[in-house]
């Protein structure tokens, strides 16, 4: 890959990471909405006498809520995708650094092979 191609690839990888993180934020908000609605319903349930009963009811209700289960599954998938996107971005950045160093080394080697008189006029 050419040195000039890396900035665009890094931009695309960063854009993908930002999109995934935005999706995760939205997913977290939706999970919180489901939990708040459920907590409000449980708080108004007069048949529940103590915190243990409320916690138990909450757990059972969340585990039987298909929307909640779908959202938490999506959240886990996004977590994996974000981890992968971060690794991809880091790899591209590291590859870009290596290519830049290789170019500098090539330039230095070319300059090292020149005689001082060949350098007249470069300054």
Protein backbone atom coordinates (compact mmCIF):
# COMPACT_ATOMS: atom_id res chain seq x y z
CA UNK A 1 0.00 0.00 0.00
CA UNK A 2 1.21 3.51 -0.77
CA UNK A 3 1.99 6.07 1.89
CA UNK A 4 -0.63 8.42 0.47
CA UNK A 5 -3.42 5.83 0.88
CA UNK A 6 -3.10 5.51 4.66
CA UNK A 7 -4.70 8.81 5.72
CA UNK A 8 -7.93 7.94 3.89
CA UNK A 9 -7.97 4.41 5.32
CA UNK A 10 -7.35 5.74 8.83
CA UNK A 11 -10.16 8.27 8.34
CA UNK A 12 -12.54 5.49 7.23
CA UNK A 13 -11.57 3.28 10.18
CA UNK A 14 -12.08 6.16 12.61
CA UNK A 15 -15.44 7.00 11.02
CA UNK A 16 -16.52 3.36 11.43
CA UNK A 17 -15.44 3.41 15.08
CA UNK A 18 -17.35 6.65 15.73
CA UNK A 19 -20.48 5.22 14.09
CA UNK A 20 -20.29 2.08 16.22
CA UNK A 21 -19.79 4.12 19.39
CA UNK A 22 -22.82 6.25 18.49
CA UNK A 23 -24.88 3.11 17.95
CA UNK A 24 -23.71 1.84 21.34
CA UNK A 25 -24.77 5.07 23.04
CA UNK A 26 -28.22 4.80 21.48
CA UNK A 27 -28.43 1.16 22.52
CA UNK A 28 -27.48 2.08 26.13
CA UNK A 29 -30.22 4.74 26.15
CA UNK A 30 -32.81 2.26 24.92
CA UNK A 31 -31.76 -0.29 27.55
CA UNK A 32 -32.06 2.39 30.22
CA UNK A 33 -35.55 3.31 28.96
CA UNK A 34 -36.71 -0.30 29.26
CA UNK A 35 -35.23 -0.52 32.76
CA UNK A 36 -36.82 2.76 33.89
CA UNK A 37 -40.27 1.71 32.65
CA UNK A 38 -39.94 -1.61 34.38
CA UNK A 39 -38.66 -0.04 37.60
CA UNK A 40 -41.62 2.37 37.61
CA UNK A 41 -44.06 -0.52 37.21
CA UNK A 42 -42.37 -2.44 40.00
CA UNK A 43 -42.35 0.60 42.28
CA UNK A 44 -46.11 0.88 41.86
CA UNK A 45 -46.70 -2.83 42.55
CA UNK A 46 -48.15 -2.91 46.07
CA UNK A 47 -47.94 -6.71 46.23
CA UNK A 48 -44.15 -6.53 46.54
CA UNK A 49 -43.31 -6.11 50.22
CA UNK A 50 -39.52 -5.57 50.27
CA UNK A 51 -36.43 -4.89 48.17
CA UNK A 52 -35.64 -8.57 47.72
CA UNK A 53 -39.05 -9.15 46.14
CA UNK A 54 -38.66 -6.07 43.93
CA UNK A 55 -35.17 -7.12 42.80
CA UNK A 56 -36.42 -10.62 42.04
CA UNK A 57 -39.39 -9.32 40.09
CA UNK A 58 -37.12 -6.93 38.17
CA UNK A 59 -34.70 -9.70 37.21
CA UNK A 60 -37.46 -12.02 36.07
CA UNK A 61 -39.19 -9.26 34.14
CA UNK A 62 -35.97 -8.20 32.36
CA UNK A 63 -35.07 -11.75 31.41
CA UNK A 64 -38.52 -12.28 29.93
CA UNK A 65 -38.62 -8.97 28.03
CA UNK A 66 -37.79 -9.71 24.38
CA UNK A 67 -36.96 -6.07 23.63
CA UNK A 68 -34.52 -5.95 26.55
CA UNK A 69 -32.90 -9.23 25.51
CA UNK A 70 -32.55 -8.03 21.92
CA UNK A 71 -31.02 -4.74 23.07
CA UNK A 72 -28.55 -6.41 25.42
CA UNK A 73 -27.55 -8.84 22.66
CA UNK A 74 -27.05 -5.90 20.30
CA UNK A 75 -25.02 -4.15 23.00
CA UNK A 76 -22.70 -7.17 23.32
CA UNK A 77 -22.32 -7.37 19.53
CA UNK A 78 -21.46 -3.67 19.37
CA UNK A 79 -18.91 -4.13 22.15
CA UNK A 80 -17.17 -6.80 20.07
CA UNK A 81 -17.35 -4.70 16.89
CA UNK A 82 -15.92 -1.66 18.69
CA UNK A 83 -13.03 -3.72 20.04
CA UNK A 84 -12.33 -4.98 16.52
CA UNK A 85 -12.64 -1.48 15.01
CA UNK A 86 -10.18 -0.09 17.58
CA UNK A 87 -7.71 -2.86 16.75
CA UNK A 88 -8.10 -2.21 13.01
CA UNK A 89 -7.56 1.52 13.51
CA UNK A 90 -4.48 0.94 15.65
CA UNK A 91 -3.08 -1.47 13.08
CA UNK A 92 -3.53 1.08 10.29
CA UNK A 93 -1.86 3.79 12.36
CA UNK A 94 1.05 1.50 13.14
CA UNK A 95 1.42 0.42 9.51
CA UNK A 96 1.38 4.09 8.48
CA UNK A 97 4.16 4.83 10.96
CA UNK A 98 6.23 1.93 9.66
CA UNK A 99 5.82 3.05 6.04
CA UNK A 100 6.82 6.60 7.00
CA UNK A 101 9.92 5.29 8.78
CA UNK A 102 10.81 3.15 5.76
CA UNK A 103 10.53 6.23 3.51
CA UNK A 104 12.75 8.24 5.84
CA UNK A 105 15.29 5.43 5.92
CA UNK A 106 15.29 5.26 2.14
CA UNK A 107 15.86 9.02 1.94
CA UNK A 108 18.63 8.85 4.53
CA UNK A 109 20.34 6.01 2.66
CA UNK A 110 20.18 7.97 -0.60
CA UNK A 111 21.59 11.05 1.10
CA UNK A 112 24.32 8.99 2.78
CA UNK A 113 25.52 7.82 -0.62
CA UNK A 114 25.95 11.36 -1.94
CA UNK A 115 29.15 13.32 -1.83
CA UNK A 116 29.05 16.69 -0.08
CA UNK A 117 29.51 18.44 -3.42
CA UNK A 118 26.31 16.73 -4.63
CA UNK A 119 24.37 18.47 -1.87
CA UNK A 120 25.27 22.00 -2.98
CA UNK A 121 22.09 23.83 -3.88
CA UNK A 122 19.75 21.77 -1.66
CA UNK A 123 19.82 24.28 1.18
